Amino acid sequence: LRLDCADTLEAIAQLPKPQRQLMGLVVAGETSPRALARSTGLPLGTVMSRLARARARLRLTLKV
């Protein structure tokens, strides 16, 4: 299965705002949950939870 970048970005754009904001930072190159927590001021657990929910939703949307 090969995904088009545009499809992935469109799926990210459809995420709820808190998830979309974190995934935007991941797309920009920040992949460490600890660094994301520092840069956003969110607790690490919140970052990890939102990323997990975002990834699960993207898997469903993109059927991967």
PDB file of N, CA and C in Angstrom:
ATOM      1  N   LEU A   1       0.850  -1.187   0.000  1.00  0.00           N
ATOM      2  CA  LEU A   1       0.000   0.000   0.000  1.00  0.00           C
ATOM      3  C   LEU A   1       0.885   1.237   0.000  1.00  0.00           C
ATOM      4  N   ARG A   2       0.607   2.136  -0.895  1.00  0.00           N
ATOM      5  CA  ARG A   2       1.385   3.359  -0.993  1.00  0.00           C
ATOM      6  C   ARG A   2       0.458   4.545  -0.800  1.00  0.00           C
ATOM      7  N   LEU A   3       0.825   5.414   0.119  1.00  0.00           N
ATOM      8  CA  LEU A   3      -0.007   6.575   0.409  1.00  0.00           C
ATOM      9  C   LEU A   3       0.558   7.815  -0.247  1.00  0.00           C
ATOM     10  N   ASP A   4      -0.310   8.622  -0.761  1.00  0.00           N
ATOM     11  CA  ASP A   4       0.072   9.899  -1.321  1.00  0.00           C
ATOM     12  C   ASP A   4       0.231  10.893  -0.186  1.00  0.00           C
ATOM     13  N   CYS A   5       1.257  11.715  -0.255  1.00  0.00           N
ATOM     14  CA  CYS A   5       1.497  12.725   0.787  1.00  0.00           C
ATOM     15  C   CYS A   5       0.287  13.632   0.965  1.00  0.00           C
ATOM     16  N   ALA A   6      -0.328  14.012  -0.120  1.00  0.00           N
ATOM     17  CA  ALA A   6      -1.489  14.901  -0.056  1.00  0.00           C
ATOM     18  C   ALA A   6      -2.632  14.235   0.710  1.00  0.00           C
ATOM     19  N   ASP A   7      -2.808  12.931   0.508  1.00  0.00           N
ATOM     20  CA  ASP A   7      -3.865  12.202   1.236  1.00  0.00           C
ATOM     21  C   ASP A   7      -3.583  12.206   2.735  1.00  0.00           C
ATOM     22  N   THR A   8      -2.330  11.998   3.082  1.00  0.00           N
ATOM     23  CA  THR A   8      -1.953  11.976   4.497  1.00  0.00           C
ATOM     24  C   THR A   8      -2.151  13.348   5.128  1.00  0.00           C
ATOM     25  N   LEU A   9      -1.702  14.391   4.443  1.00  0.00           N
ATOM     26  CA  LEU A   9      -1.874  15.746   4.972  1.00  0.00           C
ATOM     27  C   LEU A   9      -3.341  16.119   5.096  1.00  0.00           C
ATOM     28  N   GLU A  10      -4.155  15.689   4.153  1.00  0.00           N
ATOM     29  CA  GLU A  10      -5.597  15.954   4.214  1.00  0.00           C
ATOM     30  C   GLU A  10      -6.220  15.230   5.403  1.00  0.00           C
ATOM     31  N   ALA A  11      -5.792  13.992   5.645  1.00  0.00           N
ATOM     32  CA  ALA A  11      -6.308  13.244   6.788  1.00  0.00           C
ATOM     33  C   ALA A  11      -5.901  13.916   8.103  1.00  0.00           C
ATOM     34  N   ILE A  12      -4.685  14.420   8.164  1.00  0.00           N
ATOM     35  CA  ILE A  12      -4.237  15.138   9.361  1.00  0.00           C
ATOM     36  C   ILE A  12      -5.070  16.398   9.553  1.00  0.00           C
ATOM     37  N   ALA A  13      -5.390  17.078   8.479  1.00  0.00           N
ATOM     38  CA  ALA A  13      -6.187  18.308   8.554  1.00  0.00           C
ATOM     39  C   ALA A  13      -7.586  18.053   9.109  1.00  0.00           C
ATOM     40  N   GLN A  14      -8.057  16.814   9.005  1.00  0.00           N
ATOM     41  CA  GLN A  14      -9.401  16.472   9.489  1.00  0.00           C
ATOM     42  C   GLN A  14      -9.422  16.041  10.959  1.00  0.00           C
ATOM     43  N   LEU A  15      -8.254  15.913  11.569  1.00  0.00           N
ATOM     44  CA  LEU A  15      -8.195  15.522  12.976  1.00  0.00           C
ATOM     45  C   LEU A  15      -8.755  16.636  13.866  1.00  0.00           C
ATOM     46  N   PRO A  16      -9.207  16.295  15.062  1.00  0.00           N
ATOM     47  CA  PRO A  16      -9.587  17.338  16.027  1.00  0.00           C
ATOM     48  C   PRO A  16      -8.388  18.255  16.290  1.00  0.00           C
ATOM     49  N   LYS A  17      -8.666  19.519  16.561  1.00  0.00           N
ATOM     50  CA  LYS A  17      -7.613  20.523  16.666  1.00  0.00           C
ATOM     51  C   LYS A  17      -6.443  20.133  17.581  1.00  0.00           C
ATOM     52  N   PRO A  18      -6.670  19.638  18.799  1.00  0.00           N
ATOM     53  CA  PRO A  18      -5.520  19.296  19.652  1.00  0.00           C
ATOM     54  C   PRO A  18      -4.619  18.217  19.033  1.00  0.00           C
ATOM     55  N   GLN A  19      -5.231  17.232  18.383  1.00  0.00           N
ATOM     56  CA  GLN A  19      -4.461  16.178  17.720  1.00  0.00           C
ATOM     57  C   GLN A  19      -3.766  16.725  16.474  1.00  0.00           C
ATOM     58  N   ARG A  20      -4.485  17.546  15.724  1.00  0.00           N
ATOM     59  CA  ARG A  20      -3.947  18.136  14.495  1.00  0.00           C
ATOM     60  C   ARG A  20      -2.720  18.990  14.793  1.00  0.00           C
ATOM     61  N   GLN A  21      -2.770  19.763  15.875  1.00  0.00           N
ATOM     62  CA  GLN A  21      -1.649  20.625  16.222  1.00  0.00           C
ATOM     63  C   GLN A  21      -0.400  19.798  16.526  1.00  0.00           C
ATOM     64  N   LEU A  22      -0.564  18.741  17.296  1.00  0.00           N
ATOM     65  CA  LEU A  22       0.590  17.894  17.604  1.00  0.00           C
ATOM     66  C   LEU A  22       1.105  17.179  16.360  1.00  0.00           C
ATOM     67  N   MET A  23       0.209  16.661  15.544  1.00  0.00           N
ATOM     68  CA  MET A  23       0.646  15.970  14.330  1.00  0.00           C
ATOM     69  C   MET A  23       1.338  16.939  13.373  1.00  0.00           C
ATOM     70  N   GLY A  24       0.920  18.187  13.388  1.00  0.00           N
ATOM     71  CA  GLY A  24       1.604  19.193  12.570  1.00  0.00           C
ATOM     72  C   GLY A  24       3.051  19.354  12.992  1.00  0.00           C
ATOM     73  N   LEU A  25       3.296  19.306  14.290  1.00  0.00           N
ATOM     74  CA  LEU A  25       4.670  19.391  14.789  1.00  0.00           C
ATOM     75  C   LEU A  25       5.457  18.140  14.406  1.00  0.00           C
ATOM     76  N   VAL A  26       4.800  16.990  14.425  1.00  0.00           N
ATOM     77  CA  VAL A  26       5.462  15.747  14.016  1.00  0.00           C
ATOM     78  C   VAL A  26       5.830  15.826  12.539  1.00  0.00           C
ATOM     79  N   VAL A  27       4.902  16.292  11.713  1.00  0.00           N
ATOM     80  CA  VAL A  27       5.169  16.432  10.277  1.00  0.00           C
ATOM     81  C   VAL A  27       6.345  17.385  10.051  1.00  0.00           C
ATOM     82  N   ALA A  28       6.445  18.407  10.884  1.00  0.00           N
ATOM     83  CA  ALA A  28       7.531  19.379  10.759  1.00  0.00           C
ATOM     84  C   ALA A  28       8.870  18.815  11.230  1.00  0.00           C
ATOM     85  N   GLY A  29       8.855  17.611  11.828  1.00  0.00           N
ATOM     86  CA  GLY A  29      10.103  16.968  12.173  1.00  0.00           C
ATOM     87  C   GLY A  29      10.317  16.672  13.640  1.00  0.00           C
ATOM     88  N   GLU A  30       9.414  17.097  14.507  1.00  0.00           N
ATOM     89  CA  GLU A  30       9.579  16.831  15.934  1.00  0.00           C
ATOM     90  C   GLU A  30       8.891  15.520  16.284  1.00  0.00           C
ATOM     91  N   THR A  31       9.669  14.503  16.583  1.00  0.00           N
ATOM     92  CA  THR A  31       9.076  13.192  16.825  1.00  0.00           C
ATOM     93  C   THR A  31       9.182  12.726  18.270  1.00  0.00           C
ATOM     94  N   SER A  32       9.852  13.467  19.111  1.00  0.00           N
ATOM     95  CA  SER A  32       9.996  13.072  20.500  1.00  0.00           C
ATOM     96  C   SER A  32       8.813  13.583  21.327  1.00  0.00           C
ATOM     97  N   PRO A  33       8.045  12.679  21.944  1.00  0.00           N
ATOM     98  CA  PRO A  33       6.938  13.139  22.782  1.00  0.00           C
ATOM     99  C   PRO A  33       7.409  14.081  23.896  1.00  0.00           C
ATOM    100  N   ARG A  34       8.577  13.823  24.450  1.00  0.00           N
ATOM    101  CA  ARG A  34       9.101  14.681  25.514  1.00  0.00           C
ATOM    102  C   ARG A  34       9.371  16.096  24.981  1.00  0.00           C
ATOM    103  N   ALA A  35       9.946  16.189  23.791  1.00  0.00           N
ATOM    104  CA  ALA A  35      10.206  17.502  23.188  1.00  0.00           C
ATOM    105  C   ALA A  35       8.893  18.201  22.837  1.00  0.00           C
ATOM    106  N   LEU A  36       7.915  17.432  22.367  1.00  0.00           N
ATOM    107  CA  LEU A  36       6.603  18.010  22.069  1.00  0.00           C
ATOM    108  C   LEU A  36       5.962  18.560  23.337  1.00  0.00           C
ATOM    109  N   ALA A  37       6.091  17.826  24.426  1.00  0.00           N
ATOM    110  CA  ALA A  37       5.530  18.278  25.707  1.00  0.00           C
ATOM    111  C   ALA A  37       6.205  19.582  26.134  1.00  0.00           C
ATOM    112  N   ARG A  38       7.522  19.629  26.001  1.00  0.00           N
ATOM    113  CA  ARG A  38       8.244  20.863  26.368  1.00  0.00           C
ATOM    114  C   ARG A  38       7.818  22.043  25.501  1.00  0.00           C
ATOM    115  N   SER A  39       7.728  21.821  24.192  1.00  0.00           N
ATOM    116  CA  SER A  39       7.437  22.937  23.284  1.00  0.00           C
ATOM    117  C   SER A  39       5.989  23.419  23.375  1.00  0.00           C
ATOM    118  N   THR A  40       5.079  22.536  23.777  1.00  0.00           N
ATOM    119  CA  THR A  40       3.662  22.927  23.864  1.00  0.00           C
ATOM    120  C   THR A  40       3.234  23.279  25.280  1.00  0.00           C
ATOM    121  N   GLY A  41       4.019  22.865  26.269  1.00  0.00           N
ATOM    122  CA  GLY A  41       3.638  23.086  27.657  1.00  0.00           C
ATOM    123  C   GLY A  41       2.616  22.085  28.169  1.00  0.00           C
ATOM    124  N   LEU A  42       2.323  21.067  27.368  1.00  0.00           N
ATOM    125  CA  LEU A  42       1.370  20.026  27.768  1.00  0.00           C
ATOM    126  C   LEU A  42       2.083  18.956  28.581  1.00  0.00           C
ATOM    127  N   PRO A  43       1.361  18.297  29.484  1.00  0.00           N
ATOM    128  CA  PRO A  43       1.958  17.165  30.188  1.00  0.00           C
ATOM    129  C   PRO A  43       2.319  16.054  29.194  1.00  0.00           C
ATOM    130  N   LEU A  44       3.378  15.316  29.491  1.00  0.00           N
ATOM    131  CA  LEU A  44       3.830  14.242  28.605  1.00  0.00           C
ATOM    132  C   LEU A  44       2.718  13.230  28.345  1.00  0.00           C
ATOM    133  N   GLY A  45       1.976  12.859  29.372  1.00  0.00           N
ATOM    134  CA  GLY A  45       0.884  11.901  29.192  1.00  0.00           C
ATOM    135  C   GLY A  45      -0.180  12.389  28.224  1.00  0.00           C
ATOM    136  N   THR A  46      -0.472  13.677  28.267  1.00  0.00           N
ATOM    137  CA  THR A  46      -1.455  14.266  27.340  1.00  0.00           C
ATOM    138  C   THR A  46      -0.946  14.188  25.914  1.00  0.00           C
ATOM    139  N   VAL A  47       0.324  14.526  25.725  1.00  0.00           N
ATOM    140  CA  VAL A  47       0.927  14.458  24.387  1.00  0.00           C
ATOM    141  C   VAL A  47       0.854  13.029  23.861  1.00  0.00           C
ATOM    142  N   MET A  48       1.262  12.080  24.675  1.00  0.00           N
ATOM    143  CA  MET A  48       1.271  10.687  24.229  1.00  0.00           C
ATOM    144  C   MET A  48      -0.135  10.183  23.921  1.00  0.00           C
ATOM    145  N   SER A  49      -1.105  10.563  24.734  1.00  0.00           N
ATOM    146  CA  SER A  49      -2.493  10.160  24.509  1.00  0.00           C
ATOM    147  C   SER A  49      -3.034  10.751  23.212  1.00  0.00           C
ATOM    148  N   ARG A  50      -2.788  12.029  23.009  1.00  0.00           N
ATOM    149  CA  ARG A  50      -3.287  12.681  21.786  1.00  0.00           C
ATOM    150  C   ARG A  50      -2.633  12.105  20.537  1.00  0.00           C
ATOM    151  N   LEU A  51      -1.342  11.830  20.616  1.00  0.00           N
ATOM    152  CA  LEU A  51      -0.662  11.235  19.464  1.00  0.00           C
ATOM    153  C   LEU A  51      -1.195   9.834  19.177  1.00  0.00           C
ATOM    154  N   ALA A  52      -1.437   9.065  20.209  1.00  0.00           N
ATOM    155  CA  ALA A  52      -1.968   7.712  20.014  1.00  0.00           C
ATOM    156  C   ALA A  52      -3.352   7.768  19.368  1.00  0.00           C
ATOM    157  N   ARG A  53      -4.192   8.675  19.849  1.00  0.00           N
ATOM    158  CA  ARG A  53      -5.535   8.814  19.257  1.00  0.00           C
ATOM    159  C   ARG A  53      -5.447   9.299  17.810  1.00  0.00           C
ATOM    160  N   ALA A  54      -4.544  10.227  17.555  1.00  0.00           N
ATOM    161  CA  ALA A  54      -4.374  10.745  16.195  1.00  0.00           C
ATOM    162  C   ALA A  54      -3.912   9.636  15.258  1.00  0.00           C
ATOM    163  N   ARG A  55      -2.924   8.857  15.690  1.00  0.00           N
ATOM    164  CA  ARG A  55      -2.424   7.763  14.846  1.00  0.00           C
ATOM    165  C   ARG A  55      -3.511   6.722  14.589  1.00  0.00           C
ATOM    166  N   ALA A  56      -4.297   6.405  15.609  1.00  0.00           N
ATOM    167  CA  ALA A  56      -5.379   5.433  15.436  1.00  0.00           C
ATOM    168  C   ALA A  56      -6.403   5.948  14.432  1.00  0.00           C
ATOM    169  N   ARG A  57      -6.743   7.209  14.550  1.00  0.00           N
ATOM    170  CA  ARG A  57      -7.729   7.792  13.626  1.00  0.00           C
ATOM    171  C   ARG A  57      -7.180   7.842  12.203  1.00  0.00           C
ATOM    172  N   LEU A  58      -5.898   8.171  12.065  1.00  0.00           N
ATOM    173  CA  LEU A  58      -5.275   8.204  10.738  1.00  0.00           C
ATOM    174  C   LEU A  58      -5.252   6.812  10.116  1.00  0.00           C
ATOM    175  N   ARG A  59      -4.966   5.786  10.923  1.00  0.00           N
ATOM    176  CA  ARG A  59      -4.985   4.410  10.390  1.00  0.00           C
ATOM    177  C   ARG A  59      -6.361   4.063   9.836  1.00  0.00           C
ATOM    178  N   LEU A  60      -7.402   4.455  10.540  1.00  0.00           N
ATOM    179  CA  LEU A  60      -8.765   4.190  10.063  1.00  0.00           C
ATOM    180  C   LEU A  60      -9.084   4.986   8.800  1.00  0.00           C
ATOM    181  N   THR A  61      -8.730   6.260   8.822  1.00  0.00           N
ATOM    182  CA  THR A  61      -9.027   7.130   7.695  1.00  0.00           C
ATOM    183  C   THR A  61      -8.280   6.705   6.442  1.00  0.00           C
ATOM    184  N   LEU A  62      -7.006   6.363   6.618  1.00  0.00           N
ATOM    185  CA  LEU A  62      -6.154   6.015   5.479  1.00  0.00           C
ATOM    186  C   LEU A  62      -6.162   4.519   5.179  1.00  0.00           C
ATOM    187  N   LYS A  63      -6.842   3.755   6.038  1.00  0.00           N
ATOM    188  CA  LYS A  63      -6.972   2.304   5.867  1.00  0.00           C
ATOM    189  C   LYS A  63      -5.614   1.616   5.732  1.00  0.00           C
ATOM    190  N   VAL A  64      -4.728   1.919   6.718  1.00  0.00           N
ATOM    191  CA  VAL A  64      -3.401   1.275   6.756  1.00  0.00           C
ATOM    192  C   VAL A  64      -3.314   0.335   7.920  1.00  0.00           C
TER     193      VAL A  64
END
